[in-house]
Amino acid sequence: MKDRLVTGLILAAILIPVITIPILFEVFQVVMSLFVVIASTEMIRMYERKKKFQWLPKIGIVLLTLGTFYSVGGVIGSLEHNPLEANGALSITIPIFTLMLLSFLVLFRDFNGEDAGKALVIINYVGLGAASIVILRVLGVRFIVYLLIITSFTDIFAYIFGMKYGKHKLAPHISPKKSWEGAIAGTIFATIIASLFALFYGTVFSPDTWWGAMLNSGGEKTLLQNFSSIGEDYPIWAQAFIIVPVTFVASILAQIGDLVASRLKRTYDIKDFGNILPGHGGLLDRFDSAMFAAMFLTAVFILIYRIAPAIVIL
């Protein structure tokens, strides 16, 4: 428990400034690139519990995961870029990456169809998950803070209520300690807290305060202001009809993401994906929920932007 707390504090001390300070955006991109390399390697090691990969396919899988991450939005240069309109590259990279991966079946004797499926899971899970986190950061600090509030408070309240009131097992064949009581409480509290953050963002983080100057330099009043016309034209109570359901679903998906990771670990008989984070395990053990929720939120915000874009973008 002590290792877990110390590691969490160190992570927060590193990630909070890297995520929130604009001048450190390039550092954030480098950090996320390293995350992709380490996380994809963790998954390869997991798969190797049953069958070893040759070195060249392993390197190829990591590079294809990085390529997916970059093409979707992993390294986009500056905060002036609008990732919601930068999807033309995908029509080029997806076919090329697919051809390259399938070519492994011919180029490497021990690489079979099952290995190709495993590689595809790594490429999409890690590559798209990490890219979604970066896209949320590019949209604005408020979007990635919103993500972290959802995942953190879902986890915290699910743990607290699960320990105290948990009687009905949520998924005993995957994670015996998780309960329906904890899952429901985590989603309810995360939905309330994250929705309030999204709807009263400008009140909590007024640009007149030092924390508001850091997290809300644009002076947005809600999550959707200066992003979608919904945030410009509709009152807060009307925006709540979008924010609350989105937050609710994102919290559920964060828990599903955690269960997906647990199912993979149980399938391959490992306790953690790695040991890079004392008390937490590997990077995927710490950020599995965030990647799942980030992919959903990115898809939702792209849809909102396409349907009702703001006159002034970002």
C-alpha atoms as a PDB file:
ATOM      1  CA  MET A   1       0.000   0.000   0.000  1.00  0.00           C
ATOM      2  CA  LYS A   2       2.876   2.346   0.821  1.00  0.00           C
ATOM      3  CA  ASP A   3       4.538   1.651  -2.548  1.00  0.00           C
ATOM      4  CA  ARG A   4       1.229   2.293  -4.314  1.00  0.00           C
ATOM      5  CA  LEU A   5       0.760   5.652  -2.574  1.00  0.00           C
ATOM      6  CA  VAL A   6       4.337   6.819  -3.181  1.00  0.00           C
ATOM      7  CA  THR A   7       4.185   5.791  -6.847  1.00  0.00           C
ATOM      8  CA  GLY A   8       0.852   7.585  -7.254  1.00  0.00           C
ATOM      9  CA  LEU A   9       2.250  10.802  -5.782  1.00  0.00           C
ATOM     10  CA  ILE A  10       5.327  10.642  -8.029  1.00  0.00           C
ATOM     11  CA  LEU A  11       3.149  10.024 -11.089  1.00  0.00           C
ATOM     12  CA  ALA A  12       0.938  12.982 -10.173  1.00  0.00           C
ATOM     13  CA  ALA A  13       3.963  15.242  -9.636  1.00  0.00           C
ATOM     14  CA  ILE A  14       5.248  14.355 -13.111  1.00  0.00           C
ATOM     15  CA  LEU A  15       2.027  14.160 -15.106  1.00  0.00           C
ATOM     16  CA  ILE A  16       0.085  17.145 -13.761  1.00  0.00           C
ATOM     17  CA  PRO A  17       2.539  19.808 -15.041  1.00  0.00           C
ATOM     18  CA  VAL A  18       3.245  17.859 -18.247  1.00  0.00           C
ATOM     19  CA  ILE A  19      -0.472  17.652 -18.989  1.00  0.00           C
ATOM     20  CA  THR A  20      -1.507  21.162 -17.967  1.00  0.00           C
ATOM     21  CA  ILE A  21       1.378  23.486 -18.930  1.00  0.00           C
ATOM     22  CA  PRO A  22       1.229  24.368 -22.660  1.00  0.00           C
ATOM     23  CA  ILE A  23       5.001  24.889 -23.012  1.00  0.00           C
ATOM     24  CA  LEU A  24       5.479  21.242 -21.977  1.00  0.00           C
ATOM     25  CA  PHE A  25       3.197  19.870 -24.700  1.00  0.00           C
ATOM     26  CA  GLU A  26       6.134  18.467 -26.673  1.00  0.00           C
ATOM     27  CA  VAL A  27       7.282  16.690 -23.493  1.00  0.00           C
ATOM     28  CA  PHE A  28       3.772  15.278 -23.157  1.00  0.00           C
ATOM     29  CA  GLN A  29       4.000  13.910 -26.693  1.00  0.00           C
ATOM     30  CA  VAL A  30       7.323  12.249 -25.930  1.00  0.00           C
ATOM     31  CA  VAL A  31       5.915  10.770 -22.719  1.00  0.00           C
ATOM     32  CA  MET A  32       2.948   9.339 -24.614  1.00  0.00           C
ATOM     33  CA  SER A  33       5.236   7.906 -27.303  1.00  0.00           C
ATOM     34  CA  LEU A  34       7.221   6.128 -24.585  1.00  0.00           C
ATOM     35  CA  PHE A  35       3.939   4.960 -23.097  1.00  0.00           C
ATOM     36  CA  VAL A  36       2.999   3.323 -26.414  1.00  0.00           C
ATOM     37  CA  VAL A  37       6.354   1.531 -26.679  1.00  0.00           C
ATOM     38  CA  ILE A  38       6.272   0.256 -23.088  1.00  0.00           C
ATOM     39  CA  ALA A  39       2.570  -0.681 -23.103  1.00  0.00           C
ATOM     40  CA  SER A  40       2.827  -2.590 -26.393  1.00  0.00           C
ATOM     41  CA  THR A  41       5.891  -4.388 -25.037  1.00  0.00           C
ATOM     42  CA  GLU A  42       3.946  -5.304 -21.903  1.00  0.00           C
ATOM     43  CA  MET A  43       1.230  -6.892 -24.027  1.00  0.00           C
ATOM     44  CA  ILE A  44       3.767  -8.782 -26.133  1.00  0.00           C
ATOM     45  CA  ARG A  45       5.312 -10.182 -22.958  1.00  0.00           C
ATOM     46  CA  MET A  46       1.860 -11.246 -21.812  1.00  0.00           C
ATOM     47  CA  TYR A  47       1.222 -13.131 -25.066  1.00  0.00           C
ATOM     48  CA  GLU A  48       4.643 -14.726 -24.805  1.00  0.00           C
ATOM     49  CA  ARG A  49       3.478 -16.603 -21.720  1.00  0.00           C
ATOM     50  CA  LYS A  50       2.046 -19.103 -24.213  1.00  0.00           C
ATOM     51  CA  LYS A  51       4.212 -18.613 -27.287  1.00  0.00           C
ATOM     52  CA  LYS A  52       7.405 -16.643 -27.884  1.00  0.00           C
ATOM     53  CA  PHE A  53       7.602 -14.100 -30.702  1.00  0.00           C
ATOM     54  CA  GLN A  54      10.703 -13.680 -32.853  1.00  0.00           C
ATOM     55  CA  TRP A  55      12.530 -10.376 -32.427  1.00  0.00           C
ATOM     56  CA  LEU A  56      11.650  -8.919 -35.823  1.00  0.00           C
ATOM     57  CA  PRO A  57       7.872  -9.443 -35.470  1.00  0.00           C
ATOM     58  CA  LYS A  58       8.057  -7.932 -31.961  1.00  0.00           C
ATOM     59  CA  ILE A  59       9.815  -4.843 -33.289  1.00  0.00           C
ATOM     60  CA  GLY A  60       7.335  -4.690 -36.163  1.00  0.00           C
ATOM     61  CA  ILE A  61       4.331  -4.826 -33.817  1.00  0.00           C
ATOM     62  CA  VAL A  62       5.726  -2.003 -31.680  1.00  0.00           C
ATOM     63  CA  LEU A  63       6.419   0.123 -34.767  1.00  0.00           C
ATOM     64  CA  LEU A  64       2.938  -0.500 -36.206  1.00  0.00           C
ATOM     65  CA  THR A  65       1.431   0.460 -32.839  1.00  0.00           C
ATOM     66  CA  LEU A  66       3.472   3.668 -32.841  1.00  0.00           C
ATOM     67  CA  GLY A  67       2.433   4.321 -36.433  1.00  0.00           C
ATOM     68  CA  THR A  68      -1.233   3.958 -35.514  1.00  0.00           C
ATOM     69  CA  PHE A  69      -0.724   6.263 -32.534  1.00  0.00           C
ATOM     70  CA  TYR A  70       0.971   8.916 -34.679  1.00  0.00           C
ATOM     71  CA  SER A  71      -1.479   8.753 -37.576  1.00  0.00           C
ATOM     72  CA  VAL A  72      -4.549   9.058 -35.349  1.00  0.00           C
ATOM     73  CA  GLY A  73      -3.175  11.982 -33.388  1.00  0.00           C
ATOM     74  CA  GLY A  74      -0.231  10.968 -31.256  1.00  0.00           C
ATOM     75  CA  VAL A  75       2.345  13.465 -32.515  1.00  0.00           C
ATOM     76  CA  ILE A  76       0.731  16.459 -34.108  1.00  0.00           C
ATOM     77  CA  GLY A  77       3.277  19.172 -33.538  1.00  0.00           C
ATOM     78  CA  SER A  78       1.486  21.930 -31.667  1.00  0.00           C
ATOM     79  CA  LEU A  79      -1.616  22.844 -29.720  1.00  0.00           C
ATOM     80  CA  GLU A  80      -2.789  24.943 -32.668  1.00  0.00           C
ATOM     81  CA  HIS A  81      -3.631  21.746 -34.545  1.00  0.00           C
ATOM     82  CA  ASN A  82      -7.272  20.635 -34.698  1.00  0.00           C
ATOM     83  CA  PRO A  83      -7.260  16.804 -34.550  1.00  0.00           C
ATOM     84  CA  LEU A  84     -10.995  16.633 -35.233  1.00  0.00           C
ATOM     85  CA  GLU A  85     -10.319  17.577 -38.844  1.00  0.00           C
ATOM     86  CA  ALA A  86      -7.101  15.584 -39.284  1.00  0.00           C
ATOM     87  CA  ASN A  87      -8.360  12.168 -40.281  1.00  0.00           C
ATOM     88  CA  GLY A  88      -7.293  12.085 -43.933  1.00  0.00           C
ATOM     89  CA  ALA A  89      -4.121  10.196 -43.106  1.00  0.00           C
ATOM     90  CA  LEU A  90      -6.120   7.258 -41.768  1.00  0.00           C
ATOM     91  CA  SER A  91      -7.339   6.317 -45.240  1.00  0.00           C
ATOM     92  CA  ILE A  92      -3.661   5.836 -46.137  1.00  0.00           C
ATOM     93  CA  THR A  93      -2.170   4.371 -42.987  1.00  0.00           C
ATOM     94  CA  ILE A  94      -4.866   1.804 -42.133  1.00  0.00           C
ATOM     95  CA  PRO A  95      -4.557  -0.134 -45.437  1.00  0.00           C
ATOM     96  CA  ILE A  96      -0.756   0.093 -45.365  1.00  0.00           C
ATOM     97  CA  PHE A  97      -0.485  -1.080 -41.760  1.00  0.00           C
ATOM     98  CA  THR A  98      -2.914  -3.920 -42.458  1.00  0.00           C
ATOM     99  CA  LEU A  99      -0.854  -5.055 -45.447  1.00  0.00           C
ATOM    100  CA  MET A 100       2.347  -4.887 -43.415  1.00  0.00           C
ATOM    101  CA  LEU A 101       0.874  -6.901 -40.550  1.00  0.00           C
ATOM    102  CA  LEU A 102      -0.545  -9.594 -42.837  1.00  0.00           C
ATOM    103  CA  SER A 103       2.806  -9.777 -44.609  1.00  0.00           C
ATOM    104  CA  PHE A 104       4.280 -11.055 -41.347  1.00  0.00           C
ATOM    105  CA  LEU A 105       2.446 -14.333 -42.067  1.00  0.00           C
ATOM    106  CA  VAL A 106       4.743 -14.839 -45.056  1.00  0.00           C
ATOM    107  CA  LEU A 107       7.922 -13.151 -43.854  1.00  0.00           C
ATOM    108  CA  PHE A 108       8.223 -14.961 -40.518  1.00  0.00           C
ATOM    109  CA  ARG A 109       7.953 -18.753 -40.344  1.00  0.00           C
ATOM    110  CA  ASP A 110       6.577 -18.936 -36.773  1.00  0.00           C
ATOM    111  CA  PHE A 111       4.122 -16.052 -37.155  1.00  0.00           C
ATOM    112  CA  ASN A 112       0.622 -17.477 -37.753  1.00  0.00           C
ATOM    113  CA  GLY A 113      -2.960 -16.254 -37.960  1.00  0.00           C
ATOM    114  CA  GLU A 114      -3.416 -16.355 -34.187  1.00  0.00           C
ATOM    115  CA  ASP A 115      -0.329 -14.157 -33.781  1.00  0.00           C
ATOM    116  CA  ALA A 116      -1.740 -11.689 -36.304  1.00  0.00           C
ATOM    117  CA  GLY A 117      -4.899 -11.410 -34.211  1.00  0.00           C
ATOM    118  CA  LYS A 118      -2.849 -10.787 -31.071  1.00  0.00           C
ATOM    119  CA  ALA A 119      -0.835  -8.126 -32.881  1.00  0.00           C
ATOM    120  CA  LEU A 120      -4.019  -6.438 -34.088  1.00  0.00           C
ATOM    121  CA  VAL A 121      -5.306  -6.226 -30.507  1.00  0.00           C
ATOM    122  CA  ILE A 122      -2.060  -4.549 -29.415  1.00  0.00           C
ATOM    123  CA  ILE A 123      -2.039  -2.115 -32.336  1.00  0.00           C
ATOM    124  CA  ASN A 124      -5.649  -1.007 -31.839  1.00  0.00           C
ATOM    125  CA  TYR A 125      -5.856  -1.181 -28.049  1.00  0.00           C
ATOM    126  CA  VAL A 126      -2.617   0.632 -27.268  1.00  0.00           C
ATOM    127  CA  GLY A 127      -2.285   2.764 -30.409  1.00  0.00           C
ATOM    128  CA  LEU A 128      -5.849   4.087 -30.504  1.00  0.00           C
ATOM    129  CA  GLY A 129      -6.152   4.343 -26.722  1.00  0.00           C
ATOM    130  CA  ALA A 130      -3.002   6.441 -26.342  1.00  0.00           C
ATOM    131  CA  ALA A 131      -3.874   8.597 -29.361  1.00  0.00           C
ATOM    132  CA  SER A 132      -7.318   9.302 -27.883  1.00  0.00           C
ATOM    133  CA  ILE A 133      -5.733  10.580 -24.673  1.00  0.00           C
ATOM    134  CA  VAL A 134      -3.518  12.939 -26.681  1.00  0.00           C
ATOM    135  CA  ILE A 135      -6.449  14.155 -28.773  1.00  0.00           C
ATOM    136  CA  LEU A 136      -8.352  15.075 -25.619  1.00  0.00           C
ATOM    137  CA  ARG A 137      -5.320  17.055 -24.421  1.00  0.00           C
ATOM    138  CA  VAL A 138      -5.103  18.906 -27.728  1.00  0.00           C
ATOM    139  CA  LEU A 139      -8.781  19.817 -27.502  1.00  0.00           C
ATOM    140  CA  GLY A 140      -8.006  21.504 -24.198  1.00  0.00           C
ATOM    141  CA  VAL A 141      -6.779  20.837 -20.681  1.00  0.00           C
ATOM    142  CA  ARG A 142     -10.389  20.674 -19.507  1.00  0.00           C
ATOM    143  CA  PHE A 143     -11.082  17.630 -21.683  1.00  0.00           C
ATOM    144  CA  ILE A 144      -8.260  15.506 -20.296  1.00  0.00           C
ATOM    145  CA  VAL A 145      -8.984  16.640 -16.726  1.00  0.00           C
ATOM    146  CA  TYR A 146     -12.606  15.611 -17.349  1.00  0.00           C
ATOM    147  CA  LEU A 147     -11.345  12.170 -18.437  1.00  0.00           C
ATOM    148  CA  LEU A 148      -9.135  11.807 -15.363  1.00  0.00           C
ATOM    149  CA  ILE A 149     -11.960  12.847 -13.027  1.00  0.00           C
ATOM    150  CA  ILE A 150     -14.232  10.187 -14.532  1.00  0.00           C
ATOM    151  CA  THR A 151     -11.704   7.380 -14.263  1.00  0.00           C
ATOM    152  CA  SER A 152     -10.250   8.371 -10.881  1.00  0.00           C
ATOM    153  CA  PHE A 153     -13.534   8.879  -9.045  1.00  0.00           C
ATOM    154  CA  THR A 154     -15.074   5.788 -10.612  1.00  0.00           C
ATOM    155  CA  ASP A 155     -12.151   3.772  -9.261  1.00  0.00           C
ATOM    156  CA  ILE A 156     -12.075   5.464  -5.847  1.00  0.00           C
ATOM    157  CA  PHE A 157     -15.779   5.164  -5.041  1.00  0.00           C
ATOM    158  CA  ALA A 158     -16.071   1.678  -6.528  1.00  0.00           C
ATOM    159  CA  TYR A 159     -13.293   0.587  -4.177  1.00  0.00           C
ATOM    160  CA  ILE A 160     -14.711   2.347  -1.097  1.00  0.00           C
ATOM    161  CA  PHE A 161     -18.290   1.137  -1.522  1.00  0.00           C
ATOM    162  CA  GLY A 162     -17.209  -2.273  -2.753  1.00  0.00           C
ATOM    163  CA  MET A 163     -15.117  -2.852   0.364  1.00  0.00           C
ATOM    164  CA  LYS A 164     -17.868  -1.677   2.720  1.00  0.00           C
ATOM    165  CA  TYR A 165     -21.092  -2.794   1.052  1.00  0.00           C
ATOM    166  CA  GLY A 166     -20.082  -5.188  -1.727  1.00  0.00           C
ATOM    167  CA  LYS A 167     -22.111  -8.426  -1.555  1.00  0.00           C
ATOM    168  CA  HIS A 168     -23.014  -9.233  -5.162  1.00  0.00           C
ATOM    169  CA  LYS A 169     -20.105 -10.164  -7.420  1.00  0.00           C
ATOM    170  CA  LEU A 170     -19.860  -8.163 -10.625  1.00  0.00           C
ATOM    171  CA  ALA A 171     -17.780 -10.584 -12.705  1.00  0.00           C
ATOM    172  CA  PRO A 172     -16.440 -13.353 -10.439  1.00  0.00           C
ATOM    173  CA  HIS A 173     -14.876 -15.261 -13.345  1.00  0.00           C
ATOM    174  CA  ILE A 174     -12.753 -12.207 -14.181  1.00  0.00           C
ATOM    175  CA  SER A 175     -12.237 -10.184 -10.994  1.00  0.00           C
ATOM    176  CA  PRO A 176     -13.668 -11.817  -7.840  1.00  0.00           C
ATOM    177  CA  LYS A 177     -13.227  -8.699  -5.670  1.00  0.00           C
ATOM    178  CA  LYS A 178     -15.385  -6.363  -7.768  1.00  0.00           C
ATOM    179  CA  SER A 179     -19.047  -5.986  -6.781  1.00  0.00           C
ATOM    180  CA  TRP A 180     -22.184  -4.525  -8.294  1.00  0.00           C
ATOM    181  CA  GLU A 181     -22.538  -2.238  -5.276  1.00  0.00           C
ATOM    182  CA  GLY A 182     -19.065  -0.799  -5.865  1.00  0.00           C
ATOM    183  CA  ALA A 183     -19.554  -0.478  -9.624  1.00  0.00           C
ATOM    184  CA  ILE A 184     -22.887   1.336  -9.243  1.00  0.00           C
ATOM    185  CA  ALA A 185     -21.545   3.678  -6.567  1.00  0.00           C
ATOM    186  CA  GLY A 186     -18.431   4.429  -8.618  1.00  0.00           C
ATOM    187  CA  THR A 187     -20.506   5.326 -11.663  1.00  0.00           C
ATOM    188  CA  ILE A 188     -22.998   7.462  -9.714  1.00  0.00           C
ATOM    189  CA  PHE A 189     -20.377   9.504  -7.868  1.00  0.00           C
ATOM    190  CA  ALA A 190     -18.099   9.863 -10.915  1.00  0.00           C
ATOM    191  CA  THR A 191     -21.061  10.981 -13.042  1.00  0.00           C
ATOM    192  CA  ILE A 192     -22.086  13.615 -10.506  1.00  0.00           C
ATOM    193  CA  ILE A 193     -18.578  14.993  -9.895  1.00  0.00           C
ATOM    194  CA  ALA A 194     -17.368  14.935 -13.515  1.00  0.00           C
ATOM    195  CA  SER A 195     -20.669  16.374 -14.822  1.00  0.00           C
ATOM    196  CA  LEU A 196     -20.480  19.238 -12.337  1.00  0.00           C
ATOM    197  CA  PHE A 197     -16.906  19.882 -13.447  1.00  0.00           C
ATOM    198  CA  ALA A 198     -17.976  19.937 -17.109  1.00  0.00           C
ATOM    199  CA  LEU A 199     -21.031  22.138 -16.568  1.00  0.00           C
ATOM    200  CA  PHE A 200     -19.512  24.609 -14.076  1.00  0.00           C
ATOM    201  CA  TYR A 201     -15.956  24.550 -15.376  1.00  0.00           C
ATOM    202  CA  GLY A 202     -15.708  28.333 -15.687  1.00  0.00           C
ATOM    203  CA  THR A 203     -17.063  28.866 -12.173  1.00  0.00           C
ATOM    204  CA  VAL A 204     -14.611  26.484 -10.532  1.00  0.00           C
ATOM    205  CA  PHE A 205     -11.670  27.540 -12.689  1.00  0.00           C
ATOM    206  CA  SER A 206     -12.207  31.237 -13.172  1.00  0.00           C
ATOM    207  CA  PRO A 207      -9.419  32.755 -15.303  1.00  0.00           C
ATOM    208  CA  ASP A 208      -9.071  35.434 -12.622  1.00  0.00           C
ATOM    209  CA  THR A 209      -7.519  32.893 -10.250  1.00  0.00           C
ATOM    210  CA  TRP A 210      -4.058  31.319 -10.525  1.00  0.00           C
ATOM    211  CA  TRP A 211      -5.470  27.798 -11.026  1.00  0.00           C
ATOM    212  CA  GLY A 212      -7.973  29.158 -13.540  1.00  0.00           C
ATOM    213  CA  ALA A 213      -5.187  30.926 -15.424  1.00  0.00           C
ATOM    214  CA  MET A 214      -3.426  27.563 -15.715  1.00  0.00           C
ATOM    215  CA  LEU A 215      -6.430  25.360 -16.510  1.00  0.00           C
ATOM    216  CA  ASN A 216      -8.820  27.824 -18.167  1.00  0.00           C
ATOM    217  CA  SER A 217      -6.826  30.508 -19.935  1.00  0.00           C
ATOM    218  CA  GLY A 218      -9.528  30.718 -22.621  1.00  0.00           C
ATOM    219  CA  GLY A 219     -12.216  31.586 -20.093  1.00  0.00           C
ATOM    220  CA  GLU A 220     -14.627  28.815 -21.142  1.00  0.00           C
ATOM    221  CA  LYS A 221     -17.698  28.517 -18.921  1.00  0.00           C
ATOM    222  CA  THR A 222     -18.495  24.884 -19.713  1.00  0.00           C
ATOM    223  CA  LEU A 223     -16.720  21.914 -21.261  1.00  0.00           C
ATOM    224  CA  LEU A 224     -18.442  22.479 -24.607  1.00  0.00           C
ATOM    225  CA  GLN A 225     -18.027  26.249 -24.910  1.00  0.00           C
ATOM    226  CA  ASN A 226     -15.664  27.309 -27.707  1.00  0.00           C
ATOM    227  CA  PHE A 227     -15.820  23.725 -28.945  1.00  0.00           C
ATOM    228  CA  SER A 228     -19.402  23.249 -30.073  1.00  0.00           C
ATOM    229  CA  SER A 229     -22.298  25.593 -30.762  1.00  0.00           C
ATOM    230  CA  ILE A 230     -24.130  23.618 -28.078  1.00  0.00           C
ATOM    231  CA  GLY A 231     -21.804  25.214 -25.550  1.00  0.00           C
ATOM    232  CA  GLU A 232     -22.452  28.639 -27.034  1.00  0.00           C
ATOM    233  CA  ASP A 233     -26.200  28.606 -27.693  1.00  0.00           C
ATOM    234  CA  TYR A 234     -27.692  26.426 -24.965  1.00  0.00           C
ATOM    235  CA  PRO A 235     -28.005  27.059 -21.212  1.00  0.00           C
ATOM    236  CA  ILE A 236     -26.268  24.821 -18.716  1.00  0.00           C
ATOM    237  CA  TRP A 237     -29.400  22.784 -17.935  1.00  0.00           C
ATOM    238  CA  ALA A 238     -29.753  21.917 -21.627  1.00  0.00           C
ATOM    239  CA  GLN A 239     -26.063  21.003 -21.947  1.00  0.00           C
ATOM    240  CA  ALA A 240     -26.575  18.661 -18.999  1.00  0.00           C
ATOM    241  CA  PHE A 241     -28.785  16.460 -21.210  1.00  0.00           C
ATOM    242  CA  ILE A 242     -25.617  15.685 -23.204  1.00  0.00           C
ATOM    243  CA  ILE A 243     -22.916  15.852 -20.541  1.00  0.00           C
ATOM    244  CA  VAL A 244     -24.576  13.650 -17.910  1.00  0.00           C
ATOM    245  CA  PRO A 245     -25.337  10.663 -20.197  1.00  0.00           C
ATOM    246  CA  VAL A 246     -21.883  10.882 -21.815  1.00  0.00           C
ATOM    247  CA  THR A 247     -20.220  10.942 -18.398  1.00  0.00           C
ATOM    248  CA  PHE A 248     -22.374   8.062 -17.197  1.00  0.00           C
ATOM    249  CA  VAL A 249     -21.443   5.853 -20.170  1.00  0.00           C
ATOM    250  CA  ALA A 250     -17.764   6.841 -19.946  1.00  0.00           C
ATOM    251  CA  SER A 251     -17.697   5.746 -16.291  1.00  0.00           C
ATOM    252  CA  ILE A 252     -19.214   2.382 -17.194  1.00  0.00           C
ATOM    253  CA  LEU A 253     -16.710   1.932 -20.020  1.00  0.00           C
ATOM    254  CA  ALA A 254     -13.844   2.805 -17.671  1.00  0.00           C
ATOM    255  CA  GLN A 255     -14.890  -0.145 -15.518  1.00  0.00           C
ATOM    256  CA  ILE A 256     -15.280  -2.370 -18.565  1.00  0.00           C
ATOM    257  CA  GLY A 257     -11.760  -1.354 -19.606  1.00  0.00           C
ATOM    258  CA  ASP A 258     -10.470  -2.451 -16.221  1.00  0.00           C
ATOM    259  CA  LEU A 259     -12.287  -5.781 -16.570  1.00  0.00           C
ATOM    260  CA  VAL A 260     -10.937  -6.279 -20.098  1.00  0.00           C
ATOM    261  CA  ALA A 261      -7.401  -5.891 -18.756  1.00  0.00           C
ATOM    262  CA  SER A 262      -8.201  -8.291 -15.895  1.00  0.00           C
ATOM    263  CA  ARG A 263      -9.613 -10.831 -18.354  1.00  0.00           C
ATOM    264  CA  LEU A 264      -6.453 -10.683 -20.453  1.00  0.00           C
ATOM    265  CA  LYS A 265      -4.248 -11.124 -17.382  1.00  0.00           C
ATOM    266  CA  ARG A 266      -6.337 -14.035 -16.133  1.00  0.00           C
ATOM    267  CA  THR A 267      -6.243 -15.670 -19.567  1.00  0.00           C
ATOM    268  CA  TYR A 268      -2.458 -15.535 -19.639  1.00  0.00           C
ATOM    269  CA  ASP A 269      -2.019 -16.235 -15.909  1.00  0.00           C
ATOM    270  CA  ILE A 270      -0.236 -13.026 -14.907  1.00  0.00           C
ATOM    271  CA  LYS A 271      -0.881 -10.748 -11.935  1.00  0.00           C
ATOM    272  CA  ASP A 272       0.254  -7.501 -13.611  1.00  0.00           C
ATOM    273  CA  PHE A 273       1.251  -6.424 -17.103  1.00  0.00           C
ATOM    274  CA  GLY A 274       4.622  -5.288 -15.767  1.00  0.00           C
ATOM    275  CA  ASN A 275       6.469  -3.932 -12.752  1.00  0.00           C
ATOM    276  CA  ILE A 276       7.529  -0.474 -13.903  1.00  0.00           C
ATOM    277  CA  LEU A 277       5.198   1.175 -11.351  1.00  0.00           C
ATOM    278  CA  PRO A 278       5.761  -0.236  -7.833  1.00  0.00           C
ATOM    279  CA  GLY A 279       2.443  -0.966  -6.162  1.00  0.00           C
ATOM    280  CA  HIS A 280       0.540  -0.603  -9.442  1.00  0.00           C
ATOM    281  CA  GLY A 281       2.252  -3.013 -11.836  1.00  0.00           C
ATOM    282  CA  GLY A 282       2.710  -2.005 -15.455  1.00  0.00           C
ATOM    283  CA  LEU A 283       1.557   1.067 -17.355  1.00  0.00           C
ATOM    284  CA  LEU A 284      -1.469  -0.799 -18.673  1.00  0.00           C
ATOM    285  CA  ASP A 285      -2.463  -1.727 -15.129  1.00  0.00           C
ATOM    286  CA  ARG A 286      -2.655   1.977 -14.267  1.00  0.00           C
ATOM    287  CA  PHE A 287      -4.143   3.389 -17.483  1.00  0.00           C
ATOM    288  CA  ASP A 288      -6.404   0.622 -18.837  1.00  0.00           C
ATOM    289  CA  SER A 289      -9.563   2.457 -17.724  1.00  0.00           C
ATOM    290  CA  ALA A 290      -8.338   5.812 -19.060  1.00  0.00           C
ATOM    291  CA  MET A 291      -7.638   4.393 -22.528  1.00  0.00           C
ATOM    292  CA  PHE A 292     -11.067   2.770 -22.765  1.00  0.00           C
ATOM    293  CA  ALA A 293     -12.909   5.893 -21.631  1.00  0.00           C
ATOM    294  CA  ALA A 294     -10.709   8.136 -23.806  1.00  0.00           C
ATOM    295  CA  MET A 295     -11.587   6.220 -26.979  1.00  0.00           C
ATOM    296  CA  PHE A 296     -15.284   6.637 -26.228  1.00  0.00           C
ATOM    297  CA  LEU A 297     -15.014  10.331 -25.324  1.00  0.00           C
ATOM    298  CA  THR A 298     -12.957  11.094 -28.418  1.00  0.00           C
ATOM    299  CA  ALA A 299     -15.578   9.428 -30.624  1.00  0.00           C
ATOM    300  CA  VAL A 300     -18.375  11.348 -28.881  1.00  0.00           C
ATOM    301  CA  PHE A 301     -16.631  14.716 -29.142  1.00  0.00           C
ATOM    302  CA  ILE A 302     -15.858  14.127 -32.823  1.00  0.00           C
ATOM    303  CA  LEU A 303     -19.560  13.436 -33.370  1.00  0.00           C
ATOM    304  CA  ILE A 304     -20.607  16.544 -31.412  1.00  0.00           C
ATOM    305  CA  TYR A 305     -18.104  18.659 -33.326  1.00  0.00           C
ATOM    306  CA  ARG A 306     -19.323  17.353 -36.691  1.00  0.00           C
ATOM    307  CA  ILE A 307     -22.999  17.924 -35.837  1.00  0.00           C
ATOM    308  CA  ALA A 308     -22.646  21.290 -34.097  1.00  0.00           C
ATOM    309  CA  PRO A 309     -19.211  22.878 -34.486  1.00  0.00           C
ATOM    310  CA  ALA A 310     -18.428  26.165 -32.763  1.00  0.00           C
ATOM    311  CA  ILE A 311     -17.965  29.293 -34.810  1.00  0.00           C
ATOM    312  CA  VAL A 312     -14.634  29.836 -33.076  1.00  0.00           C
ATOM    313  CA  ILE A 313     -12.614  26.593 -32.951  1.00  0.00           C
ATOM    314  CA  LEU A 314     -10.405  26.035 -29.927  1.00  0.00           C
END
